[in-house]
Amino acid sequence: MAAFVHFLGLCFLGILVVVPWGAIASDEDPLQDVCVADVHEVNGFACKSIANASDFVSSLLRNAGNTNNRLGTSVTAAGAANFPGLNTQGLSFARIDYAPGGVVPPHNHPRASEVLFVVSGTLRVGFVTSDGKSTLFTNILYPGDLTVFPRALVHFIINVGDSHALSLSGLDSQNPGASLLPTVLFESNPTIGDDVLEKAFNLPQNEIDMIKAALKA
């Protein structure tokens, strides 16, 4: 029996030696929606030959964003594209300012989970599961509270207080992506066919037209 176990051990070691590690390792997560092969590009950004101290600090989130818009919110994001020191770290950060009633519409981040911290104000947040049951998990958050939005799940945020609110979010991707459902469904380029939208939402053509016009306005 001991000889047989010894033989199996030798076989396993032989496999480790013969099979390249790259063949049994998983691929890294993609950093963008698509990545058509180009020998001159990499999945992300190439590294600078010489790094400077200024590459690792950013004032992008120092000032409040303009919430004078239809949604009453402003999202200011810091990722590898505008904060070079984040490149290859798998991280990005965002500041969200809210007017009273301001909302971040249902959306998802296909490449990241998100942790949100409430700095000021009162927020109602929620996410919906993708297990076929579409279970909604929702909570009211106050200053100092944290919540998490699991990777790729549709979630939303709304300011339910009487004053302006501020939250900060950390995401575990340097390019998490963001798909706003209203934009994806009704303002894609080129547009999704109205025949698809009519059947998907069980709405007549005139109401589809009204939704598109309202979003454009």
Protein backbone atom coordinates (compact mmCIF):
# COMPACT_ATOMS: atom_id res chain seq x y z
CA MET A 1 0.00 0.00 0.00
CA ALA A 2 2.80 2.39 0.89
CA ALA A 3 4.46 1.66 -2.43
CA PHE A 4 1.21 2.44 -4.27
CA VAL A 5 0.81 5.76 -2.45
CA HIS A 6 4.42 6.58 -3.26
CA PHE A 7 3.73 5.78 -6.93
CA LEU A 8 0.70 8.12 -6.97
CA GLY A 9 2.79 10.86 -5.43
CA LEU A 10 5.42 10.49 -8.13
CA CYS A 11 2.70 10.61 -10.82
CA PHE A 12 1.31 13.86 -9.32
CA LEU A 13 4.75 15.44 -9.23
CA GLY A 14 5.25 14.39 -12.82
CA ILE A 15 2.04 16.15 -13.84
CA LEU A 16 3.16 19.35 -12.09
CA VAL A 17 6.45 19.25 -13.96
CA VAL A 18 5.02 18.43 -17.39
CA VAL A 19 1.88 20.60 -17.41
CA PRO A 20 2.65 24.35 -17.69
CA TRP A 21 1.30 26.41 -14.79
CA GLY A 22 -0.41 28.75 -17.25
CA ALA A 23 -2.54 25.85 -18.45
CA ILE A 24 -4.07 25.25 -15.00
CA ALA A 25 -4.29 28.87 -13.81
CA SER A 26 -7.47 30.87 -14.34
CA ASP A 27 -7.54 33.99 -16.51
CA GLU A 28 -7.60 37.42 -14.92
CA ASP A 29 -10.93 39.21 -14.91
CA PRO A 30 -11.46 41.48 -17.94
CA LEU A 31 -11.04 45.22 -17.36
CA GLN A 32 -13.46 46.29 -20.08
CA ASP A 33 -16.60 45.04 -21.81
CA VAL A 34 -14.79 43.69 -24.86
CA CYS A 35 -11.12 43.17 -25.69
CA VAL A 36 -10.54 42.35 -29.36
CA ALA A 37 -6.99 41.05 -29.78
CA ASP A 38 -4.38 43.67 -30.68
CA VAL A 39 -0.71 42.85 -30.15
CA HIS A 40 0.02 46.52 -29.44
CA GLU A 41 -2.36 46.84 -26.49
CA VAL A 42 -2.79 45.28 -23.03
CA ASN A 43 -5.83 44.54 -20.89
CA GLY A 44 -5.53 47.74 -18.88
CA PHE A 45 -2.81 50.39 -19.16
CA ALA A 46 0.89 50.03 -19.77
CA CYS A 47 3.16 51.02 -16.89
CA LYS A 48 5.18 54.24 -16.83
CA SER A 49 8.92 53.69 -16.87
CA ILE A 50 9.39 56.11 -13.96
CA ALA A 51 6.75 56.74 -11.28
CA ASN A 52 6.38 60.06 -9.45
CA ALA A 53 4.97 60.76 -5.99
CA SER A 54 2.20 62.82 -7.61
CA ASP A 55 0.96 59.70 -9.42
CA PHE A 56 -0.30 58.32 -6.11
CA VAL A 57 -2.42 61.23 -4.90
CA SER A 58 -5.57 62.79 -6.37
CA SER A 59 -7.88 65.67 -5.53
CA LEU A 60 -10.63 64.49 -7.91
CA LEU A 61 -13.12 63.98 -5.07
CA ARG A 62 -12.31 67.11 -3.11
CA ASN A 63 -15.19 69.24 -4.37
CA ALA A 64 -18.93 68.61 -4.40
CA GLY A 65 -20.49 67.73 -7.73
CA ASN A 66 -23.30 69.64 -9.42
CA THR A 67 -26.67 68.07 -8.52
CA ASN A 68 -28.69 70.54 -10.61
CA ASN A 69 -29.90 67.92 -13.07
CA ARG A 70 -32.88 65.65 -13.71
CA LEU A 71 -31.67 62.96 -11.30
CA GLY A 72 -30.51 65.36 -8.58
CA THR A 73 -27.22 63.51 -8.18
CA SER A 74 -23.60 63.83 -9.22
CA VAL A 75 -21.14 60.92 -9.38
CA THR A 76 -17.44 61.78 -9.42
CA ALA A 77 -15.30 58.70 -10.07
CA ALA A 78 -11.59 58.04 -9.62
CA GLY A 79 -10.15 55.12 -11.56
CA ALA A 80 -6.94 54.20 -13.32
CA ALA A 81 -7.87 56.37 -16.30
CA ASN A 82 -7.83 59.59 -14.24
CA PHE A 83 -5.82 58.47 -11.18
CA PRO A 84 -2.75 56.67 -12.61
CA GLY A 85 -1.57 55.28 -9.27
CA LEU A 86 -4.59 52.96 -9.22
CA ASN A 87 -3.42 51.06 -12.30
CA THR A 88 -3.13 47.29 -11.61
CA GLN A 89 -4.38 47.72 -8.02
CA GLY A 90 -7.89 46.48 -8.77
CA LEU A 91 -9.47 49.49 -7.09
CA SER A 92 -11.53 52.56 -7.88
CA PHE A 93 -13.40 55.11 -5.78
CA ALA A 94 -16.38 57.41 -6.21
CA ARG A 95 -18.02 60.39 -4.54
CA ILE A 96 -21.79 60.76 -4.90
CA ASP A 97 -23.55 64.03 -4.06
CA TYR A 98 -27.35 64.08 -3.70
CA ALA A 99 -29.88 66.88 -3.68
CA PRO A 100 -33.04 66.16 -1.63
CA GLY A 101 -34.83 63.40 -3.52
CA GLY A 102 -31.79 62.78 -5.69
CA VAL A 103 -31.49 59.27 -7.09
CA VAL A 104 -28.85 57.02 -8.62
CA PRO A 105 -31.06 54.95 -10.97
CA PRO A 106 -31.02 51.15 -11.04
CA HIS A 107 -27.68 50.08 -12.50
CA ASN A 108 -24.93 47.53 -12.08
CA HIS A 109 -21.16 47.28 -12.18
CA PRO A 110 -20.34 44.18 -14.27
CA ARG A 111 -16.77 43.91 -12.98
CA ALA A 112 -16.97 45.01 -9.34
CA SER A 113 -18.56 44.75 -5.93
CA GLU A 114 -19.20 48.10 -4.21
CA VAL A 115 -18.99 49.20 -0.60
CA LEU A 116 -20.82 52.47 0.10
CA PHE A 117 -20.23 54.70 3.15
CA VAL A 118 -22.70 57.43 4.12
CA VAL A 119 -20.97 60.69 5.07
CA SER A 120 -24.08 62.80 5.51
CA GLY A 121 -27.81 62.60 4.89
CA THR A 122 -30.29 59.73 4.84
CA LEU A 123 -30.22 57.25 1.98
CA ARG A 124 -32.43 54.36 0.96
CA VAL A 125 -30.49 51.72 -0.91
CA GLY A 126 -31.24 48.32 -2.37
CA PHE A 127 -30.11 45.57 -4.69
CA VAL A 128 -31.92 42.75 -6.48
CA THR A 129 -30.69 39.16 -6.67
CA SER A 130 -30.05 37.39 -9.98
CA ASP A 131 -31.10 33.90 -8.84
CA GLY A 132 -34.40 33.98 -10.73
CA LYS A 133 -36.37 35.11 -7.67
CA SER A 134 -35.46 38.81 -8.03
CA THR A 135 -35.37 39.28 -4.26
CA LEU A 136 -34.97 42.92 -3.20
CA PHE A 137 -32.74 43.73 -0.22
CA THR A 138 -33.29 47.33 0.88
CA ASN A 139 -32.24 49.43 3.87
CA ILE A 140 -32.28 53.00 5.20
CA LEU A 141 -28.76 54.30 5.88
CA TYR A 142 -27.60 57.14 8.14
CA PRO A 143 -24.23 58.93 8.53
CA GLY A 144 -21.55 56.42 9.43
CA ASP A 145 -23.40 53.43 7.95
CA LEU A 146 -21.94 51.04 5.39
CA THR A 147 -23.63 48.83 2.82
CA VAL A 148 -22.44 46.48 0.11
CA PHE A 149 -23.73 45.93 -3.42
CA PRO A 150 -22.59 42.48 -4.62
CA ARG A 151 -20.77 42.26 -7.92
CA ALA A 152 -22.88 42.79 -11.06
CA LEU A 153 -26.22 42.96 -9.20
CA VAL A 154 -28.66 45.74 -10.07
CA HIS A 155 -28.84 48.34 -7.29
CA PHE A 156 -30.09 51.87 -6.60
CA ILE A 157 -29.63 54.75 -4.14
CA ILE A 158 -32.03 57.57 -3.28
CA ASN A 159 -31.77 60.48 -0.86
CA VAL A 160 -34.86 60.25 1.35
CA GLY A 161 -33.82 63.07 3.70
CA ASP A 162 -34.67 66.76 3.64
CA SER A 163 -31.12 67.97 3.02
CA HIS A 164 -28.23 67.29 0.69
CA ALA A 165 -26.42 63.99 1.21
CA LEU A 166 -22.96 62.64 0.48
CA SER A 167 -21.65 59.10 0.15
CA LEU A 168 -18.32 57.52 -0.79
CA SER A 169 -17.91 54.21 -2.61
CA GLY A 170 -15.02 51.82 -3.02
CA LEU A 171 -15.07 49.27 -5.85
CA ASP A 172 -12.77 46.30 -6.38
CA SER A 173 -11.89 47.02 -10.01
CA GLN A 174 -9.92 49.80 -11.65
CA ASN A 175 -12.60 49.86 -14.35
CA PRO A 176 -15.85 48.53 -12.79
CA GLY A 177 -18.14 49.68 -15.58
CA ALA A 178 -21.64 51.03 -14.98
CA SER A 179 -24.76 50.06 -16.90
CA LEU A 180 -27.70 52.38 -16.15
CA LEU A 181 -30.83 50.40 -16.96
CA PRO A 182 -32.86 53.31 -18.43
CA THR A 183 -29.95 54.26 -20.70
CA VAL A 184 -29.09 50.70 -21.69
CA LEU A 185 -32.69 49.83 -22.56
CA PHE A 186 -33.99 53.02 -24.13
CA GLU A 187 -30.96 55.04 -25.25
CA SER A 188 -28.52 52.48 -26.65
CA ASN A 189 -26.64 53.30 -29.87
CA PRO A 190 -27.99 51.98 -32.16
CA THR A 191 -31.26 51.65 -30.31
CA ILE A 192 -32.81 48.36 -29.29
CA GLY A 193 -35.72 47.73 -31.64
CA ASP A 194 -39.06 49.07 -30.46
CA ASP A 195 -40.60 45.69 -31.26
CA VAL A 196 -38.33 44.15 -28.61
CA LEU A 197 -39.16 46.83 -26.04
CA GLU A 198 -42.90 46.60 -26.70
CA LYS A 199 -42.93 42.87 -26.01
CA ALA A 200 -40.47 43.04 -23.10
CA PHE A 201 -42.47 45.69 -21.22
CA ASN A 202 -45.91 44.90 -22.63
CA LEU A 203 -46.31 48.52 -23.71
CA PRO A 204 -47.75 50.03 -26.90
CA GLN A 205 -45.54 51.95 -29.31
CA ASN A 206 -46.79 55.37 -28.19
CA GLU A 207 -45.74 54.72 -24.57
CA ILE A 208 -42.31 53.50 -25.67
CA ASP A 209 -41.98 56.76 -27.61
CA MET A 210 -43.03 58.75 -24.52
CA ILE A 211 -40.39 57.05 -22.36
CA LYS A 212 -37.65 57.76 -24.90
CA ALA A 213 -38.72 61.38 -25.26
CA ALA A 214 -38.79 61.85 -21.48
CA LEU A 215 -35.27 60.45 -21.10
CA LYS A 216 -33.93 62.68 -23.86
CA ALA A 217 -35.57 65.71 -22.26
